[in-house]
Amino acid sequence: MFDIAGTIREISILAVPFLLAITCHEAAHGYAAYLLGDPTAKMAGRLTLNPLRHLDPLGTLALILTRMIGWAKPVPVDPRYFKNPQRDMMLVSIAGPAANMLLAIMFAVVLNVLLGLDIRGYSETTLTILEPTAIISKAGVIINLALCFFNLLPIPPLDGSKIIAGFLPRETAYKFMSFRYGFIIVIVLAMLGLLGKTISPAISFFYNLLIF
């Protein structure tokens, strides 16, 4: 029987780290582009930490179904503003996963502190705050690592493909980024269970590295 209460509880735990993860990911893309001379994201109101400006219904549904992977609306970037479009686009692409890795480290710091506490001296009221915080922090580490490595996959239009394109000859990079079936590949990989198997080793390695 479908556990509605359990599902609601799990979604409520995932909500905070997921919203923070996708918001900072997209804002990092936009801010990096802005620093490199592209005002497009700023003019679109996407240099904000308001998650409602970044939420994508399908990406949010994907998180609910997979409990790990989701995405936001891509921040608009216009490479014509860049001095070196190929290089600068690569830097903008790196900014999103880098933001997720930084958030994973921050959540890990909180979780390590909580795991190191001797809970025997705390009241029940305090524990009702510490326990959910620890659970959310753990979810924050996992979700941010998952989003980081998911987006680093070299499949257009994910960030990893744009990073690789930055190292390719211009004509080859253009042909590579013109591939239009990337998300179909991602969906097929997810349905076959291969997407999780692809990024799980990296998630596990960095989780064990961050959590003492």
Protein backbone atom coordinates (compact mmCIF):
# COMPACT_ATOMS: atom_id res chain seq x y z
CA MET A 1 0.00 0.00 0.00
CA PHE A 2 1.26 3.46 -0.90
CA ASP A 3 2.59 5.26 2.17
CA ILE A 4 1.33 8.83 1.72
CA ALA A 5 2.60 10.03 5.09
CA GLY A 6 6.04 8.55 4.46
CA THR A 7 6.24 10.11 1.01
CA ILE A 8 5.24 13.53 2.32
CA ARG A 9 7.81 13.24 5.10
CA GLU A 10 10.54 12.27 2.61
CA ILE A 11 9.67 15.11 0.23
CA SER A 12 9.72 17.60 3.11
CA ILE A 13 13.23 16.42 4.00
CA LEU A 14 14.41 16.70 0.39
CA ALA A 15 12.73 20.05 -0.26
CA VAL A 16 15.17 22.35 1.55
CA PRO A 17 18.44 20.89 0.19
CA PHE A 18 16.97 20.42 -3.30
CA LEU A 19 15.67 23.98 -3.57
CA LEU A 20 18.96 25.33 -2.25
CA ALA A 21 20.93 23.09 -4.62
CA ILE A 22 19.15 24.04 -7.83
CA THR A 23 18.87 27.71 -6.87
CA CYS A 24 22.57 28.10 -6.13
CA HIS A 25 23.46 26.01 -9.20
CA GLU A 26 21.55 28.24 -11.61
CA ALA A 27 22.43 31.49 -9.83
CA ALA A 28 26.11 30.49 -10.04
CA HIS A 29 25.79 30.03 -13.80
CA GLY A 30 24.13 33.42 -14.14
CA TYR A 31 26.57 35.24 -11.88
CA ALA A 32 29.59 33.72 -13.64
CA ALA A 33 28.16 34.84 -16.98
CA TYR A 34 27.53 38.31 -15.56
CA LEU A 35 31.13 38.58 -14.34
CA LEU A 36 32.29 37.60 -17.83
CA GLY A 37 30.23 40.36 -19.44
CA ASP A 38 26.84 38.77 -20.16
CA PRO A 39 23.91 40.66 -18.53
CA THR A 40 21.23 38.30 -19.92
CA ALA A 41 20.58 36.41 -16.66
CA LYS A 42 20.55 39.65 -14.68
CA MET A 43 18.03 41.24 -17.04
CA ALA A 44 15.88 38.08 -16.80
CA GLY A 45 15.85 38.35 -13.00
CA ARG A 46 17.75 35.09 -12.56
CA LEU A 47 20.59 36.40 -10.38
CA THR A 48 18.50 35.60 -7.35
CA LEU A 49 18.30 33.01 -4.58
CA ASN A 50 14.51 32.93 -4.88
CA PRO A 51 13.85 29.27 -5.83
CA LEU A 52 10.55 30.15 -7.51
CA ARG A 53 12.50 31.91 -10.28
CA HIS A 54 14.44 28.72 -11.00
CA LEU A 55 11.99 25.85 -10.44
CA ASP A 56 11.17 23.56 -13.35
CA PRO A 57 8.03 21.40 -12.88
CA LEU A 58 9.48 18.41 -14.74
CA GLY A 59 12.79 18.65 -12.90
CA THR A 60 10.99 18.79 -9.56
CA LEU A 61 8.88 15.76 -10.51
CA ALA A 62 12.09 13.91 -11.44
CA LEU A 63 13.43 14.55 -7.93
CA ILE A 64 10.25 13.19 -6.35
CA LEU A 65 10.44 10.05 -8.48
CA THR A 66 14.20 9.42 -8.26
CA ARG A 67 14.80 10.86 -4.73
CA MET A 68 18.15 12.09 -6.05
CA ILE A 69 18.17 13.78 -9.48
CA GLY A 70 16.28 16.88 -10.54
CA TRP A 71 16.91 20.09 -12.40
CA ALA A 72 15.84 23.72 -12.70
CA LYS A 73 15.07 26.04 -15.59
CA PRO A 74 18.37 26.80 -17.36
CA VAL A 75 19.67 30.33 -16.83
CA PRO A 76 19.76 32.22 -20.16
CA VAL A 77 23.31 32.86 -21.35
CA ASP A 78 24.32 34.74 -24.51
CA PRO A 79 27.91 33.84 -25.51
CA ARG A 80 28.02 36.83 -27.90
CA TYR A 81 28.80 39.02 -24.89
CA PHE A 82 31.91 37.00 -24.03
CA LYS A 83 35.41 38.03 -25.09
CA ASN A 84 36.30 34.38 -25.61
CA PRO A 85 32.94 32.57 -26.08
CA GLN A 86 34.28 29.01 -26.03
CA ARG A 87 36.46 29.48 -22.95
CA ASP A 88 33.98 31.67 -21.07
CA MET A 89 31.08 29.31 -21.75
CA MET A 90 33.19 26.54 -20.22
CA LEU A 91 33.80 28.69 -17.11
CA VAL A 92 30.08 29.46 -16.81
CA SER A 93 29.31 25.74 -17.08
CA ILE A 94 31.81 24.84 -14.35
CA ALA A 95 30.22 27.37 -11.95
CA GLY A 96 27.02 25.34 -11.44
CA PRO A 97 28.58 22.01 -10.40
CA ALA A 98 31.18 23.93 -8.37
CA ALA A 99 28.36 25.60 -6.41
CA ASN A 100 26.85 22.18 -5.69
CA MET A 101 30.19 20.81 -4.49
CA LEU A 102 30.59 23.82 -2.18
CA LEU A 103 27.09 23.26 -0.78
CA ALA A 104 27.85 19.57 -0.27
CA ILE A 105 30.91 20.54 1.77
CA MET A 106 28.86 23.02 3.83
CA PHE A 107 26.15 20.44 4.58
CA ALA A 108 28.88 17.93 5.42
CA VAL A 109 30.40 20.31 7.97
CA VAL A 110 27.01 20.65 9.70
CA LEU A 111 26.43 16.88 9.60
CA ASN A 112 29.89 16.11 10.99
CA VAL A 113 29.32 18.52 13.87
CA LEU A 114 25.95 16.93 14.68
CA LEU A 115 27.31 13.39 14.43
CA GLY A 116 30.06 14.32 16.86
CA LEU A 117 27.67 15.49 19.56
CA ASP A 118 27.03 13.47 22.69
CA ILE A 119 23.22 13.49 22.57
CA ARG A 120 22.85 12.01 26.07
CA GLY A 121 23.03 15.47 27.61
CA TYR A 122 20.31 17.05 25.47
CA SER A 123 16.61 17.40 26.19
CA GLU A 124 13.91 15.86 24.00
CA THR A 125 13.00 19.31 22.69
CA THR A 126 16.56 19.90 21.53
CA LEU A 127 16.74 16.45 19.96
CA THR A 128 13.58 17.14 17.95
CA ILE A 129 15.56 19.94 16.30
CA LEU A 130 18.94 18.22 15.99
CA GLU A 131 17.65 14.98 14.47
CA PRO A 132 15.76 16.56 11.52
CA THR A 133 18.71 18.92 10.96
CA ALA A 134 21.05 15.95 10.70
CA ILE A 135 18.71 14.16 8.28
CA ILE A 136 18.35 17.27 6.11
CA SER A 137 22.12 17.82 6.18
CA LYS A 138 22.75 14.25 5.04
CA ALA A 139 20.23 14.72 2.23
CA GLY A 140 21.95 18.00 1.37
CA VAL A 141 25.30 16.28 0.94
CA ILE A 142 23.87 13.52 -1.25
CA ILE A 143 21.63 15.74 -3.39
CA ASN A 144 24.36 18.28 -4.08
CA LEU A 145 26.89 15.59 -4.94
CA ALA A 146 24.31 13.93 -7.20
CA LEU A 147 23.50 17.19 -9.00
CA CYS A 148 27.18 18.02 -9.31
CA PHE A 149 28.14 14.73 -10.97
CA PHE A 150 24.90 14.42 -12.94
CA ASN A 151 25.53 17.79 -14.53
CA LEU A 152 29.16 16.86 -15.24
CA LEU A 153 28.08 14.02 -17.54
CA PRO A 154 29.40 14.76 -21.06
CA ILE A 155 25.95 14.66 -22.65
CA PRO A 156 24.58 17.81 -24.34
CA PRO A 157 23.11 20.04 -23.00
CA LEU A 158 24.45 19.14 -19.53
CA ASP A 159 27.30 21.22 -18.12
CA GLY A 160 29.83 18.46 -18.69
CA SER A 161 29.32 18.66 -22.45
CA LYS A 162 29.99 22.41 -22.45
CA ILE A 163 33.13 21.91 -20.39
CA ILE A 164 34.41 19.33 -22.89
CA ALA A 165 33.43 21.62 -25.78
CA GLY A 166 35.75 24.25 -24.30
CA PHE A 167 38.71 22.01 -25.12
CA LEU A 168 37.60 21.02 -28.62
CA PRO A 169 38.35 22.78 -31.93
CA ARG A 170 35.62 25.33 -32.58
CA GLU A 171 33.95 23.47 -35.46
CA THR A 172 34.05 20.15 -33.60
CA ALA A 173 32.66 21.80 -30.48
CA TYR A 174 29.79 23.30 -32.50
CA LYS A 175 28.89 19.91 -33.99
CA PHE A 176 29.12 18.26 -30.57
CA MET A 177 26.85 20.83 -28.92
CA SER A 178 24.37 20.60 -31.82
CA PHE A 179 23.39 17.11 -30.68
CA ARG A 180 19.68 17.37 -29.78
CA TYR A 181 18.91 14.03 -28.16
CA GLY A 182 20.87 14.38 -24.93
CA PHE A 183 17.90 14.36 -22.57
CA ILE A 184 16.43 11.33 -24.35
CA ILE A 185 19.70 9.52 -23.61
CA VAL A 186 19.52 10.66 -19.99
CA ILE A 187 15.93 9.43 -19.65
CA VAL A 188 16.80 6.06 -21.22
CA LEU A 189 19.82 5.69 -18.93
CA ALA A 190 17.61 6.52 -15.94
CA MET A 191 14.93 4.01 -16.98
CA LEU A 192 17.56 1.29 -17.43
CA GLY A 193 19.06 2.09 -14.04
CA LEU A 194 22.36 3.00 -15.66
CA LEU A 195 22.28 6.69 -14.72
CA GLY A 196 22.50 5.95 -11.01
CA LYS A 197 25.20 3.33 -11.59
CA THR A 198 27.20 5.87 -13.59
CA ILE A 199 27.34 8.59 -10.96
CA SER A 200 26.93 6.54 -7.75
CA PRO A 201 30.64 5.66 -7.43
CA ALA A 202 31.60 9.35 -7.49
CA ILE A 203 28.82 10.22 -5.02
CA SER A 204 29.87 7.43 -2.64
CA PHE A 205 33.57 8.34 -2.88
CA PHE A 206 33.04 12.01 -2.07
CA TYR A 207 30.40 11.27 0.60
CA ASN A 208 32.85 9.00 2.43
CA LEU A 209 35.54 11.63 1.97
CA LEU A 210 33.37 14.41 3.46
CA ILE A 211 31.71 12.52 6.32
CA PHE A 212 34.24 11.50 8.95
